[in-house]
């Protein structure tokens, strides 16, 4: 059997990647996922350089397995983050929110493995040209910041797979073995999962936010802020403020003023479910328990094998 390219690229057991989520993915979660056989990622977007260094050191102490750091390319202190990654010996970086051409060559010259997050085949091709080793194709269902095109994972993944030769990692709406099998049937060679890991014991999200996530029902999330930075949020009083402003045809500057600063931290890290920004994916309606990261990975693997066997036994013919 041909070796999975993502498994080979990162030296991991399972093609399961934990998303690098702002305020939710510190060293505890990253090391737990890596120890369970996936690839854990520290989300650096909310971290000052000294905090990132501390997180990396703690992750290295907690696991001997590979892990990565997610680096938003629009981060204001990115040069300091680059220095930390280099000095601490990080070898895998997932970049997002920016042009991969700007830093990929810098990473490759220093022997990093580089993956870029995209929401269209156009940007996937740009990432391949820039020298990325793989891309994450993130569909409209995903939590947090999202593509303006609103392309679903079902449509995005095959389009990206057909557009590039490098491995594609599917993201958006994936939370269990069945959805992982579906994504890989579309041509992805791995999956990146965020929302399910938010509701894990090791997630750095506030307990109140975790509980709200596992209580979510169908229709409880919505993509908004599309004229600033698109984000999928749980509906709450803060979202209602945004909705009211949009109904009154508030301009982007007015919307930005309502958003202010620190909304995501307030909601996800500090647990303010009223005034905070609660970023989560649509699949939050599909699970209802907080579990350890190890349990989540094991359940995904078992579910994937069961779904694969059931498909083979069905013997569909046309």
C-alpha atoms as a PDB file:
ATOM      1  CA  UNK A   1       0.000   0.000   0.000  1.00  0.00           C
ATOM      2  CA  UNK A   2       1.262   3.466  -0.869  1.00  0.00           C
ATOM      3  CA  UNK A   3       2.370   5.482   2.154  1.00  0.00           C
ATOM      4  CA  UNK A   4       0.199   8.453   3.053  1.00  0.00           C
ATOM      5  CA  UNK A   5       2.193  11.556   2.093  1.00  0.00           C
ATOM      6  CA  UNK A   6       1.113  13.595   5.120  1.00  0.00           C
ATOM      7  CA  UNK A   7       2.015  10.805   7.529  1.00  0.00           C
ATOM      8  CA  UNK A   8       5.435  10.589   5.865  1.00  0.00           C
ATOM      9  CA  UNK A   9       5.920  14.363   5.712  1.00  0.00           C
ATOM     10  CA  UNK A  10       5.404  14.905   9.434  1.00  0.00           C
ATOM     11  CA  UNK A  11       6.446  11.523  10.837  1.00  0.00           C
ATOM     12  CA  UNK A  12       3.118  10.921  12.568  1.00  0.00           C
ATOM     13  CA  UNK A  13       0.935   7.832  12.982  1.00  0.00           C
ATOM     14  CA  UNK A  14      -2.447   9.139  11.819  1.00  0.00           C
ATOM     15  CA  UNK A  15      -3.290  11.771   9.172  1.00  0.00           C
ATOM     16  CA  UNK A  16      -5.148  13.814  11.796  1.00  0.00           C
ATOM     17  CA  UNK A  17      -4.081  17.423  12.366  1.00  0.00           C
ATOM     18  CA  UNK A  18      -5.320  19.538  15.268  1.00  0.00           C
ATOM     19  CA  UNK A  19      -5.984  23.091  14.098  1.00  0.00           C
ATOM     20  CA  UNK A  20      -3.925  25.930  15.578  1.00  0.00           C
ATOM     21  CA  UNK A  21      -6.798  27.866  17.137  1.00  0.00           C
ATOM     22  CA  UNK A  22      -6.398  31.261  18.782  1.00  0.00           C
ATOM     23  CA  UNK A  23      -7.045  31.059  22.566  1.00  0.00           C
ATOM     24  CA  UNK A  24      -7.823  27.335  22.426  1.00  0.00           C
ATOM     25  CA  UNK A  25      -4.662  25.492  21.396  1.00  0.00           C
ATOM     26  CA  UNK A  26      -1.777  25.819  23.794  1.00  0.00           C
ATOM     27  CA  UNK A  27       0.929  23.316  24.614  1.00  0.00           C
ATOM     28  CA  UNK A  28      -1.379  21.035  26.621  1.00  0.00           C
ATOM     29  CA  UNK A  29      -3.626  20.325  23.650  1.00  0.00           C
ATOM     30  CA  UNK A  30      -0.836  20.203  21.071  1.00  0.00           C
ATOM     31  CA  UNK A  31       1.226  17.716  23.077  1.00  0.00           C
ATOM     32  CA  UNK A  32      -1.826  15.553  23.870  1.00  0.00           C
ATOM     33  CA  UNK A  33      -2.790  15.259  20.191  1.00  0.00           C
ATOM     34  CA  UNK A  34       0.793  14.499  19.172  1.00  0.00           C
ATOM     35  CA  UNK A  35       1.100  11.871  21.899  1.00  0.00           C
ATOM     36  CA  UNK A  36      -2.110  10.283  20.588  1.00  0.00           C
ATOM     37  CA  UNK A  37      -0.611   9.886  17.103  1.00  0.00           C
ATOM     38  CA  UNK A  38      -1.825  13.012  15.321  1.00  0.00           C
ATOM     39  CA  UNK A  39      -0.084  16.330  14.769  1.00  0.00           C
ATOM     40  CA  UNK A  40      -0.716  18.883  17.493  1.00  0.00           C
ATOM     41  CA  UNK A  41      -0.413  22.582  16.710  1.00  0.00           C
ATOM     42  CA  UNK A  42       0.242  25.525  19.023  1.00  0.00           C
ATOM     43  CA  UNK A  43      -1.834  28.519  17.919  1.00  0.00           C
ATOM     44  CA  UNK A  44       0.522  31.484  18.154  1.00  0.00           C
ATOM     45  CA  UNK A  45      -1.879  34.176  16.933  1.00  0.00           C
ATOM     46  CA  UNK A  46      -2.813  35.214  20.471  1.00  0.00           C
ATOM     47  CA  UNK A  47       0.707  34.970  21.931  1.00  0.00           C
ATOM     48  CA  UNK A  48       3.458  37.474  22.566  1.00  0.00           C
ATOM     49  CA  UNK A  49       6.880  36.107  21.541  1.00  0.00           C
ATOM     50  CA  UNK A  50       7.923  35.278  25.120  1.00  0.00           C
ATOM     51  CA  UNK A  51       4.658  33.368  25.656  1.00  0.00           C
ATOM     52  CA  UNK A  52       5.156  31.448  22.415  1.00  0.00           C
ATOM     53  CA  UNK A  53       8.673  30.483  23.511  1.00  0.00           C
ATOM     54  CA  UNK A  54       7.349  29.235  26.844  1.00  0.00           C
ATOM     55  CA  UNK A  55       4.593  27.250  25.107  1.00  0.00           C
ATOM     56  CA  UNK A  56       7.064  25.579  22.755  1.00  0.00           C
ATOM     57  CA  UNK A  57       9.400  24.652  25.622  1.00  0.00           C
ATOM     58  CA  UNK A  58       6.528  23.106  27.587  1.00  0.00           C
ATOM     59  CA  UNK A  59       5.309  21.211  24.526  1.00  0.00           C
ATOM     60  CA  UNK A  60       8.785  19.777  23.895  1.00  0.00           C
ATOM     61  CA  UNK A  61       8.911  18.643  27.530  1.00  0.00           C
ATOM     62  CA  UNK A  62       5.479  16.985  27.270  1.00  0.00           C
ATOM     63  CA  UNK A  63       5.973  15.059  24.007  1.00  0.00           C
ATOM     64  CA  UNK A  64       8.767  13.486  22.004  1.00  0.00           C
ATOM     65  CA  UNK A  65       6.508  13.409  18.944  1.00  0.00           C
ATOM     66  CA  UNK A  66       6.378  16.025  16.176  1.00  0.00           C
ATOM     67  CA  UNK A  67       4.244  19.121  16.701  1.00  0.00           C
ATOM     68  CA  UNK A  68       3.763  22.362  14.792  1.00  0.00           C
ATOM     69  CA  UNK A  69       3.082  26.053  15.312  1.00  0.00           C
ATOM     70  CA  UNK A  70       0.381  27.986  13.486  1.00  0.00           C
ATOM     71  CA  UNK A  71       1.618  31.415  12.419  1.00  0.00           C
ATOM     72  CA  UNK A  72      -0.821  34.033  11.081  1.00  0.00           C
ATOM     73  CA  UNK A  73       1.251  35.978   8.560  1.00  0.00           C
ATOM     74  CA  UNK A  74      -0.450  39.267   9.466  1.00  0.00           C
ATOM     75  CA  UNK A  75       0.741  39.024  13.071  1.00  0.00           C
ATOM     76  CA  UNK A  76       2.322  42.414  13.966  1.00  0.00           C
ATOM     77  CA  UNK A  77       5.400  40.909  15.677  1.00  0.00           C
ATOM     78  CA  UNK A  78       5.996  38.194  13.105  1.00  0.00           C
ATOM     79  CA  UNK A  79       9.767  38.765  12.913  1.00  0.00           C
ATOM     80  CA  UNK A  80       9.996  38.042  16.646  1.00  0.00           C
ATOM     81  CA  UNK A  81       7.899  34.894  16.193  1.00  0.00           C
ATOM     82  CA  UNK A  82      10.174  33.727  13.373  1.00  0.00           C
ATOM     83  CA  UNK A  83      13.177  34.135  15.642  1.00  0.00           C
ATOM     84  CA  UNK A  84      11.489  32.129  18.401  1.00  0.00           C
ATOM     85  CA  UNK A  85      10.575  29.291  16.019  1.00  0.00           C
ATOM     86  CA  UNK A  86      14.144  29.122  14.732  1.00  0.00           C
ATOM     87  CA  UNK A  87      15.805  29.295  18.143  1.00  0.00           C
ATOM     88  CA  UNK A  88      13.487  26.682  19.671  1.00  0.00           C
ATOM     89  CA  UNK A  89      14.013  24.203  16.849  1.00  0.00           C
ATOM     90  CA  UNK A  90      10.433  24.049  15.578  1.00  0.00           C
ATOM     91  CA  UNK A  91      10.425  22.226  12.247  1.00  0.00           C
ATOM     92  CA  UNK A  92       6.771  22.367  11.134  1.00  0.00           C
ATOM     93  CA  UNK A  93       4.820  25.577  10.603  1.00  0.00           C
ATOM     94  CA  UNK A  94       1.252  26.122   9.415  1.00  0.00           C
ATOM     95  CA  UNK A  95       0.845  29.625   8.000  1.00  0.00           C
ATOM     96  CA  UNK A  96      -2.425  31.463   7.472  1.00  0.00           C
ATOM     97  CA  UNK A  97      -3.977  34.909   6.962  1.00  0.00           C
ATOM     98  CA  UNK A  98      -1.513  36.273   4.442  1.00  0.00           C
ATOM     99  CA  UNK A  99       0.522  35.708   1.304  1.00  0.00           C
ATOM    100  CA  UNK A 100       2.617  32.503   1.548  1.00  0.00           C
ATOM    101  CA  UNK A 101       5.122  33.886  -0.956  1.00  0.00           C
ATOM    102  CA  UNK A 102       6.405  36.330   1.640  1.00  0.00           C
ATOM    103  CA  UNK A 103       7.897  33.861   4.133  1.00  0.00           C
ATOM    104  CA  UNK A 104       7.810  30.333   2.672  1.00  0.00           C
ATOM    105  CA  UNK A 105      11.247  30.607   1.071  1.00  0.00           C
ATOM    106  CA  UNK A 106      12.649  31.861   4.407  1.00  0.00           C
ATOM    107  CA  UNK A 107      11.235  28.776   6.116  1.00  0.00           C
ATOM    108  CA  UNK A 108      12.400  26.351   3.416  1.00  0.00           C
ATOM    109  CA  UNK A 109      15.944  27.733   3.496  1.00  0.00           C
ATOM    110  CA  UNK A 110      15.979  26.800   7.199  1.00  0.00           C
ATOM    111  CA  UNK A 111      14.581  23.298   6.720  1.00  0.00           C
ATOM    112  CA  UNK A 112      11.042  23.926   7.930  1.00  0.00           C
ATOM    113  CA  UNK A 113       8.093  21.966   6.596  1.00  0.00           C
ATOM    114  CA  UNK A 114       5.499  24.554   5.558  1.00  0.00           C
ATOM    115  CA  UNK A 115       1.739  24.208   5.168  1.00  0.00           C
ATOM    116  CA  UNK A 116      -0.526  27.110   4.214  1.00  0.00           C
ATOM    117  CA  UNK A 117      -4.261  27.407   4.922  1.00  0.00           C
ATOM    118  CA  UNK A 118      -6.388  28.361   1.899  1.00  0.00           C
ATOM    119  CA  UNK A 119     -10.065  28.835   1.070  1.00  0.00           C
ATOM    120  CA  UNK A 120      -9.830  28.573  -2.731  1.00  0.00           C
ATOM    121  CA  UNK A 121      -7.977  26.705  -5.463  1.00  0.00           C
ATOM    122  CA  UNK A 122      -6.478  30.024  -6.602  1.00  0.00           C
ATOM    123  CA  UNK A 123      -4.652  30.478  -3.317  1.00  0.00           C
ATOM    124  CA  UNK A 124      -3.763  26.786  -3.160  1.00  0.00           C
ATOM    125  CA  UNK A 125      -1.885  27.157  -6.442  1.00  0.00           C
ATOM    126  CA  UNK A 126      -0.122  30.256  -5.121  1.00  0.00           C
ATOM    127  CA  UNK A 127       0.944  28.294  -2.036  1.00  0.00           C
ATOM    128  CA  UNK A 128       2.316  25.497  -4.225  1.00  0.00           C
ATOM    129  CA  UNK A 129       4.253  27.979  -6.371  1.00  0.00           C
ATOM    130  CA  UNK A 130       5.631  29.589  -3.195  1.00  0.00           C
ATOM    131  CA  UNK A 131       7.105  26.222  -2.199  1.00  0.00           C
ATOM    132  CA  UNK A 132       4.687  24.977   0.467  1.00  0.00           C
ATOM    133  CA  UNK A 133       4.847  21.257   1.242  1.00  0.00           C
ATOM    134  CA  UNK A 134       1.059  20.956   1.583  1.00  0.00           C
ATOM    135  CA  UNK A 135      -2.088  23.060   1.878  1.00  0.00           C
ATOM    136  CA  UNK A 136      -5.092  23.017   4.180  1.00  0.00           C
ATOM    137  CA  UNK A 137      -8.284  23.486   2.162  1.00  0.00           C
ATOM    138  CA  UNK A 138     -10.686  24.992   4.687  1.00  0.00           C
ATOM    139  CA  UNK A 139     -14.359  25.029   3.802  1.00  0.00           C
ATOM    140  CA  UNK A 140     -17.192  27.374   4.745  1.00  0.00           C
ATOM    141  CA  UNK A 141     -18.306  25.135   7.630  1.00  0.00           C
ATOM    142  CA  UNK A 142     -15.170  25.848   9.639  1.00  0.00           C
ATOM    143  CA  UNK A 143     -15.092  27.931  12.791  1.00  0.00           C
ATOM    144  CA  UNK A 144     -13.142  31.099  13.347  1.00  0.00           C
ATOM    145  CA  UNK A 145     -11.894  33.076  10.365  1.00  0.00           C
ATOM    146  CA  UNK A 146     -13.130  31.827   7.054  1.00  0.00           C
ATOM    147  CA  UNK A 147     -13.044  32.469   3.326  1.00  0.00           C
ATOM    148  CA  UNK A 148     -15.248  35.146   1.794  1.00  0.00           C
ATOM    149  CA  UNK A 149     -16.195  32.809  -1.050  1.00  0.00           C
ATOM    150  CA  UNK A 150     -18.299  30.644   1.309  1.00  0.00           C
ATOM    151  CA  UNK A 151     -17.244  27.484  -0.533  1.00  0.00           C
ATOM    152  CA  UNK A 152     -18.208  24.331   1.320  1.00  0.00           C
ATOM    153  CA  UNK A 153     -15.670  21.624   2.107  1.00  0.00           C
ATOM    154  CA  UNK A 154     -17.489  19.229  -0.228  1.00  0.00           C
ATOM    155  CA  UNK A 155     -16.900  21.589  -3.161  1.00  0.00           C
ATOM    156  CA  UNK A 156     -13.532  23.043  -2.125  1.00  0.00           C
ATOM    157  CA  UNK A 157     -11.496  19.910  -1.430  1.00  0.00           C
ATOM    158  CA  UNK A 158     -11.841  18.204  -4.845  1.00  0.00           C
ATOM    159  CA  UNK A 159     -11.271  21.509  -6.604  1.00  0.00           C
ATOM    160  CA  UNK A 160      -8.035  22.072  -4.691  1.00  0.00           C
ATOM    161  CA  UNK A 161      -6.960  18.436  -5.133  1.00  0.00           C
ATOM    162  CA  UNK A 162      -7.405  18.834  -8.897  1.00  0.00           C
ATOM    163  CA  UNK A 163      -5.466  22.114  -8.905  1.00  0.00           C
ATOM    164  CA  UNK A 164      -2.234  21.186  -7.112  1.00  0.00           C
ATOM    165  CA  UNK A 165       0.222  18.306  -6.903  1.00  0.00           C
ATOM    166  CA  UNK A 166       1.166  18.784  -3.242  1.00  0.00           C
ATOM    167  CA  UNK A 167      -0.878  16.971  -0.557  1.00  0.00           C
ATOM    168  CA  UNK A 168      -4.180  18.510   0.496  1.00  0.00           C
ATOM    169  CA  UNK A 169      -5.430  18.521   4.092  1.00  0.00           C
ATOM    170  CA  UNK A 170      -9.201  18.989   4.373  1.00  0.00           C
ATOM    171  CA  UNK A 171     -10.749  21.219   7.035  1.00  0.00           C
ATOM    172  CA  UNK A 172     -14.217  22.487   7.831  1.00  0.00           C
ATOM    173  CA  UNK A 173     -17.044  20.370   9.245  1.00  0.00           C
ATOM    174  CA  UNK A 174     -14.798  17.391  10.071  1.00  0.00           C
ATOM    175  CA  UNK A 175     -15.151  16.005  13.584  1.00  0.00           C
ATOM    176  CA  UNK A 176     -15.334  12.176  13.484  1.00  0.00           C
ATOM    177  CA  UNK A 177     -14.335   9.100  11.492  1.00  0.00           C
ATOM    178  CA  UNK A 178     -17.209   9.370   9.019  1.00  0.00           C
ATOM    179  CA  UNK A 179     -16.432  12.953   8.067  1.00  0.00           C
ATOM    180  CA  UNK A 180     -12.733  12.116   7.881  1.00  0.00           C
ATOM    181  CA  UNK A 181     -13.489   9.273   5.449  1.00  0.00           C
ATOM    182  CA  UNK A 182     -15.684  11.583   3.384  1.00  0.00           C
ATOM    183  CA  UNK A 183     -12.900  14.162   3.123  1.00  0.00           C
ATOM    184  CA  UNK A 184     -10.320  11.599   2.115  1.00  0.00           C
ATOM    185  CA  UNK A 185     -12.694  10.114  -0.437  1.00  0.00           C
ATOM    186  CA  UNK A 186     -12.710  13.569  -2.016  1.00  0.00           C
ATOM    187  CA  UNK A 187      -8.939  13.317  -2.431  1.00  0.00           C
ATOM    188  CA  UNK A 188      -7.590  14.828   0.789  1.00  0.00           C
ATOM    189  CA  UNK A 189      -4.651  12.985   2.350  1.00  0.00           C
ATOM    190  CA  UNK A 190      -5.344  14.184   5.888  1.00  0.00           C
ATOM    191  CA  UNK A 191      -7.844  16.199   7.885  1.00  0.00           C
ATOM    192  CA  UNK A 192      -7.448  19.228  10.108  1.00  0.00           C
ATOM    193  CA  UNK A 193      -9.898  19.363  13.000  1.00  0.00           C
ATOM    194  CA  UNK A 194     -10.539  22.384  15.187  1.00  0.00           C
ATOM    195  CA  UNK A 195     -13.977  22.567  16.777  1.00  0.00           C
ATOM    196  CA  UNK A 196     -13.957  19.021  18.161  1.00  0.00           C
ATOM    197  CA  UNK A 197     -10.664  19.711  19.930  1.00  0.00           C
ATOM    198  CA  UNK A 198     -12.001  22.963  21.404  1.00  0.00           C
ATOM    199  CA  UNK A 199     -14.263  20.724  23.477  1.00  0.00           C
ATOM    200  CA  UNK A 200     -11.384  18.725  24.920  1.00  0.00           C
ATOM    201  CA  UNK A 201     -10.025  18.573  28.444  1.00  0.00           C
ATOM    202  CA  UNK A 202      -6.656  19.919  27.313  1.00  0.00           C
ATOM    203  CA  UNK A 203      -8.028  22.839  25.310  1.00  0.00           C
ATOM    204  CA  UNK A 204      -7.078  26.229  26.764  1.00  0.00           C
ATOM    205  CA  UNK A 205     -10.595  27.531  26.062  1.00  0.00           C
ATOM    206  CA  UNK A 206     -12.630  28.644  29.080  1.00  0.00           C
ATOM    207  CA  UNK A 207     -14.846  25.956  30.589  1.00  0.00           C
ATOM    208  CA  UNK A 208     -17.954  28.100  30.005  1.00  0.00           C
ATOM    209  CA  UNK A 209     -17.134  28.325  26.294  1.00  0.00           C
ATOM    210  CA  UNK A 210     -16.533  24.572  26.084  1.00  0.00           C
ATOM    211  CA  UNK A 211     -19.917  23.914  27.663  1.00  0.00           C
ATOM    212  CA  UNK A 212     -21.602  26.302  25.234  1.00  0.00           C
ATOM    213  CA  UNK A 213     -19.933  24.498  22.333  1.00  0.00           C
ATOM    214  CA  UNK A 214     -21.197  21.054  23.320  1.00  0.00           C
ATOM    215  CA  UNK A 215     -24.687  22.490  23.857  1.00  0.00           C
ATOM    216  CA  UNK A 216     -24.802  23.976  20.341  1.00  0.00           C
ATOM    217  CA  UNK A 217     -27.628  22.956  18.042  1.00  0.00           C
ATOM    218  CA  UNK A 218     -28.133  23.146  14.267  1.00  0.00           C
ATOM    219  CA  UNK A 219     -28.247  26.745  13.123  1.00  0.00           C
ATOM    220  CA  UNK A 220     -26.523  28.120  16.232  1.00  0.00           C
ATOM    221  CA  UNK A 221     -23.499  29.341  14.240  1.00  0.00           C
ATOM    222  CA  UNK A 222     -23.315  31.882  11.445  1.00  0.00           C
ATOM    223  CA  UNK A 223     -20.644  33.407   9.217  1.00  0.00           C
ATOM    224  CA  UNK A 224     -20.483  37.156   9.792  1.00  0.00           C
ATOM    225  CA  UNK A 225     -18.072  40.118   9.641  1.00  0.00           C
ATOM    226  CA  UNK A 226     -17.594  39.376   5.948  1.00  0.00           C
ATOM    227  CA  UNK A 227     -16.712  42.988   5.151  1.00  0.00           C
ATOM    228  CA  UNK A 228     -13.885  42.983   7.738  1.00  0.00           C
ATOM    229  CA  UNK A 229     -12.516  39.496   8.484  1.00  0.00           C
ATOM    230  CA  UNK A 230     -15.099  36.729   8.000  1.00  0.00           C
ATOM    231  CA  UNK A 231     -15.674  34.647  11.126  1.00  0.00           C
ATOM    232  CA  UNK A 232     -18.108  31.876  12.049  1.00  0.00           C
ATOM    233  CA  UNK A 233     -19.578  32.611  15.460  1.00  0.00           C
ATOM    234  CA  UNK A 234     -22.055  31.147  17.892  1.00  0.00           C
ATOM    235  CA  UNK A 235     -25.077  33.405  18.114  1.00  0.00           C
ATOM    236  CA  UNK A 236     -25.090  35.399  21.366  1.00  0.00           C
ATOM    237  CA  UNK A 237     -25.893  38.982  22.475  1.00  0.00           C
ATOM    238  CA  UNK A 238     -22.648  40.239  20.900  1.00  0.00           C
ATOM    239  CA  UNK A 239     -23.669  38.721  17.572  1.00  0.00           C
ATOM    240  CA  UNK A 240     -27.093  40.348  17.945  1.00  0.00           C
ATOM    241  CA  UNK A 241     -25.308  43.715  18.237  1.00  0.00           C
ATOM    242  CA  UNK A 242     -23.562  43.012  14.949  1.00  0.00           C
ATOM    243  CA  UNK A 243     -26.790  41.889  13.302  1.00  0.00           C
ATOM    244  CA  UNK A 244     -28.565  45.065  14.407  1.00  0.00           C
ATOM    245  CA  UNK A 245     -25.725  47.197  13.053  1.00  0.00           C
ATOM    246  CA  UNK A 246     -25.819  45.416   9.690  1.00  0.00           C
ATOM    247  CA  UNK A 247     -29.607  45.846   9.505  1.00  0.00           C
ATOM    248  CA  UNK A 248     -29.075  49.573  10.032  1.00  0.00           C
ATOM    249  CA  UNK A 249     -26.542  49.524   7.154  1.00  0.00           C
ATOM    250  CA  UNK A 250     -23.639  50.449   9.410  1.00  0.00           C
ATOM    251  CA  UNK A 251     -20.429  50.969   7.423  1.00  0.00           C
ATOM    252  CA  UNK A 252     -17.326  48.787   8.000  1.00  0.00           C
ATOM    253  CA  UNK A 253     -15.790  51.403  10.297  1.00  0.00           C
ATOM    254  CA  UNK A 254     -18.878  51.290  12.503  1.00  0.00           C
ATOM    255  CA  UNK A 255     -18.838  47.493  12.557  1.00  0.00           C
ATOM    256  CA  UNK A 256     -15.139  47.546  13.464  1.00  0.00           C
ATOM    257  CA  UNK A 257     -15.912  49.934  16.312  1.00  0.00           C
ATOM    258  CA  UNK A 258     -18.500  47.491  17.695  1.00  0.00           C
ATOM    259  CA  UNK A 259     -16.019  44.638  17.342  1.00  0.00           C
ATOM    260  CA  UNK A 260     -13.313  46.582  19.163  1.00  0.00           C
ATOM    261  CA  UNK A 261     -10.319  44.707  20.530  1.00  0.00           C
ATOM    262  CA  UNK A 262     -10.059  41.516  22.518  1.00  0.00           C
ATOM    263  CA  UNK A 263     -13.522  40.135  21.721  1.00  0.00           C
ATOM    264  CA  UNK A 264     -12.244  36.632  20.941  1.00  0.00           C
ATOM    265  CA  UNK A 265     -10.177  36.518  24.128  1.00  0.00           C
ATOM    266  CA  UNK A 266     -13.166  37.760  26.132  1.00  0.00           C
ATOM    267  CA  UNK A 267     -15.404  35.024  24.784  1.00  0.00           C
ATOM    268  CA  UNK A 268     -13.251  31.959  24.261  1.00  0.00           C
ATOM    269  CA  UNK A 269     -10.507  32.418  26.853  1.00  0.00           C
ATOM    270  CA  UNK A 270     -12.271  34.397  29.572  1.00  0.00           C
ATOM    271  CA  UNK A 271     -15.692  32.792  29.164  1.00  0.00           C
ATOM    272  CA  UNK A 272     -17.843  35.886  28.623  1.00  0.00           C
ATOM    273  CA  UNK A 273     -20.702  34.312  26.669  1.00  0.00           C
ATOM    274  CA  UNK A 274     -22.610  37.595  26.446  1.00  0.00           C
ATOM    275  CA  UNK A 275     -20.082  40.126  25.151  1.00  0.00           C
ATOM    276  CA  UNK A 276     -17.420  37.795  23.763  1.00  0.00           C
ATOM    277  CA  UNK A 277     -16.781  36.574  20.229  1.00  0.00           C
ATOM    278  CA  UNK A 278     -17.470  32.819  20.227  1.00  0.00           C
ATOM    279  CA  UNK A 279     -15.714  31.288  17.213  1.00  0.00           C
ATOM    280  CA  UNK A 280     -16.703  27.691  16.400  1.00  0.00           C
ATOM    281  CA  UNK A 281     -17.639  25.534  13.421  1.00  0.00           C
ATOM    282  CA  UNK A 282     -20.984  24.168  12.263  1.00  0.00           C
ATOM    283  CA  UNK A 283     -20.037  20.667  13.381  1.00  0.00           C
ATOM    284  CA  UNK A 284     -20.359  21.784  17.019  1.00  0.00           C
ATOM    285  CA  UNK A 285     -24.002  20.706  16.696  1.00  0.00           C
ATOM    286  CA  UNK A 286     -22.829  17.124  16.115  1.00  0.00           C
ATOM    287  CA  UNK A 287     -21.081  16.316  19.399  1.00  0.00           C
ATOM    288  CA  UNK A 288     -22.147  16.796  22.984  1.00  0.00           C
ATOM    289  CA  UNK A 289     -19.340  15.730  25.305  1.00  0.00           C
ATOM    290  CA  UNK A 290     -16.032  17.173  26.468  1.00  0.00           C
ATOM    291  CA  UNK A 291     -13.399  14.442  26.240  1.00  0.00           C
ATOM    292  CA  UNK A 292      -9.628  14.145  26.393  1.00  0.00           C
ATOM    293  CA  UNK A 293      -7.705  14.749  23.183  1.00  0.00           C
ATOM    294  CA  UNK A 294      -6.473  11.164  23.286  1.00  0.00           C
ATOM    295  CA  UNK A 295     -10.033   9.859  23.436  1.00  0.00           C
ATOM    296  CA  UNK A 296     -11.060  12.105  20.558  1.00  0.00           C
ATOM    297  CA  UNK A 297      -8.211  10.912  18.320  1.00  0.00           C
ATOM    298  CA  UNK A 298      -8.906   7.256  19.187  1.00  0.00           C
ATOM    299  CA  UNK A 299     -12.628   7.656  18.444  1.00  0.00           C
ATOM    300  CA  UNK A 300     -11.885   9.304  15.092  1.00  0.00           C
ATOM    301  CA  UNK A 301      -9.533   6.476  14.093  1.00  0.00           C
ATOM    302  CA  UNK A 302     -11.988   3.756  15.157  1.00  0.00           C
ATOM    303  CA  UNK A 303     -14.871   5.579  13.485  1.00  0.00           C
ATOM    304  CA  UNK A 304     -12.877   5.968  10.281  1.00  0.00           C
ATOM    305  CA  UNK A 305     -12.127   2.242  10.132  1.00  0.00           C
ATOM    306  CA  UNK A 306     -15.744   1.311  10.887  1.00  0.00           C
ATOM    307  CA  UNK A 307     -17.094   3.686   8.234  1.00  0.00           C
ATOM    308  CA  UNK A 308     -14.550   2.389   5.716  1.00  0.00           C
ATOM    309  CA  UNK A 309     -15.524  -1.229   6.404  1.00  0.00           C
ATOM    310  CA  UNK A 310     -19.240  -0.440   6.184  1.00  0.00           C
ATOM    311  CA  UNK A 311     -18.710   1.236   2.835  1.00  0.00           C
ATOM    312  CA  UNK A 312     -16.778  -1.744   1.505  1.00  0.00           C
ATOM    313  CA  UNK A 313     -19.433  -4.176   2.731  1.00  0.00           C
ATOM    314  CA  UNK A 314     -22.292  -2.174   1.200  1.00  0.00           C
ATOM    315  CA  UNK A 315     -21.045  -3.054  -2.282  1.00  0.00           C
ATOM    316  CA  UNK A 316     -22.897  -0.281  -3.978  1.00  0.00           C
ATOM    317  CA  UNK A 317     -23.321  -0.741  -7.710  1.00  0.00           C
ATOM    318  CA  UNK A 318     -24.928   1.355 -10.410  1.00  0.00           C
END
